């Protein structure tokens, strides 16, 4: 039982933020995006993971890939 708790803790602490990123983009709650990924993974027999994993890689390594934040405009200051 202890091993399962360690695994769950690892994934909770190292979550990639894909669901959070999408939720911020669309202005919806994070748990709805997570439920979408869970249900669509079961409905499509796992092919949603082919979308989720590259997005997780990009979000985790965006500082290495050269993605930069937009400079704030005068209206955002």
Protein backbone atom coordinates (compact mmCIF):
# COMPACT_ATOMS: atom_id res chain seq x y z
CA UNK A 1 0.00 0.00 0.00
CA UNK A 2 2.87 2.35 0.73
CA UNK A 3 4.24 1.98 -2.81
CA UNK A 4 0.91 3.03 -4.30
CA UNK A 5 0.85 6.12 -2.10
CA UNK A 6 4.37 7.03 -3.23
CA UNK A 7 3.40 6.64 -6.87
CA UNK A 8 0.28 8.78 -6.43
CA UNK A 9 2.25 11.44 -4.57
CA UNK A 10 4.87 11.49 -7.34
CA UNK A 11 2.28 12.08 -10.05
CA UNK A 12 0.43 14.70 -8.00
CA UNK A 13 3.63 16.64 -7.37
CA UNK A 14 4.95 16.28 -10.93
CA UNK A 15 1.75 16.91 -12.82
CA UNK A 16 2.52 18.63 -16.04
CA UNK A 17 -0.13 21.34 -15.91
CA UNK A 18 -1.76 20.48 -19.23
CA UNK A 19 -5.26 20.53 -17.77
CA UNK A 20 -4.57 23.74 -15.89
CA UNK A 21 -3.19 25.39 -19.04
CA UNK A 22 -6.24 24.42 -21.11
CA UNK A 23 -8.61 25.51 -18.33
CA UNK A 24 -7.00 28.95 -18.22
CA UNK A 25 -7.15 29.26 -22.01
CA UNK A 26 -10.85 28.41 -22.16
CA UNK A 27 -11.85 30.01 -18.86
CA UNK A 28 -13.33 26.84 -17.34
CA UNK A 29 -12.63 24.82 -14.23
CA UNK A 30 -9.63 22.50 -14.21
CA UNK A 31 -11.54 19.44 -13.03
CA UNK A 32 -13.79 19.62 -16.11
CA UNK A 33 -10.77 19.49 -18.39
CA UNK A 34 -9.36 16.55 -16.43
CA UNK A 35 -12.68 14.72 -16.70
CA UNK A 36 -12.69 15.38 -20.45
CA UNK A 37 -9.24 13.80 -20.80
CA UNK A 38 -10.24 10.81 -18.65
CA UNK A 39 -13.52 10.14 -20.46
CA UNK A 40 -12.07 10.71 -23.91
CA UNK A 41 -9.18 8.36 -23.13
CA UNK A 42 -11.64 5.58 -22.33
CA UNK A 43 -13.89 6.42 -25.29
CA UNK A 44 -11.04 6.49 -27.81
CA UNK A 45 -9.16 3.55 -26.28
CA UNK A 46 -6.21 5.65 -25.21
CA UNK A 47 -5.56 7.72 -28.31
CA UNK A 48 -6.10 10.93 -26.33
CA UNK A 49 -2.79 10.18 -24.67
CA UNK A 50 -1.15 10.81 -28.04
CA UNK A 51 -2.28 14.43 -27.67
CA UNK A 52 -1.75 14.78 -23.93
CA UNK A 53 1.83 13.50 -23.71
CA UNK A 54 3.35 15.80 -26.38
CA UNK A 55 1.53 18.73 -24.79
CA UNK A 56 2.97 17.75 -21.41
CA UNK A 57 6.45 17.54 -22.93
CA UNK A 58 6.13 20.97 -24.54
CA UNK A 59 4.77 22.61 -21.38
CA UNK A 60 7.48 21.01 -19.25
CA UNK A 61 10.32 22.02 -21.59
CA UNK A 62 9.10 25.29 -23.07
CA UNK A 63 12.07 27.15 -21.59
CA UNK A 64 14.39 24.85 -23.57
CA UNK A 65 12.37 25.08 -26.78
CA UNK A 66 12.62 28.85 -26.96
CA UNK A 67 9.04 29.83 -26.18
CA UNK A 68 8.98 33.28 -24.67
CA UNK A 69 6.24 35.23 -22.98
CA UNK A 70 4.74 38.10 -24.86
CA UNK A 71 5.86 41.49 -23.70
CA UNK A 72 3.09 43.30 -21.86
CA UNK A 73 1.46 46.11 -23.76
CA UNK A 74 0.85 49.51 -22.30
CA UNK A 75 -2.77 48.50 -21.59
CA UNK A 76 -1.70 45.58 -19.39
CA UNK A 77 0.59 47.61 -17.13
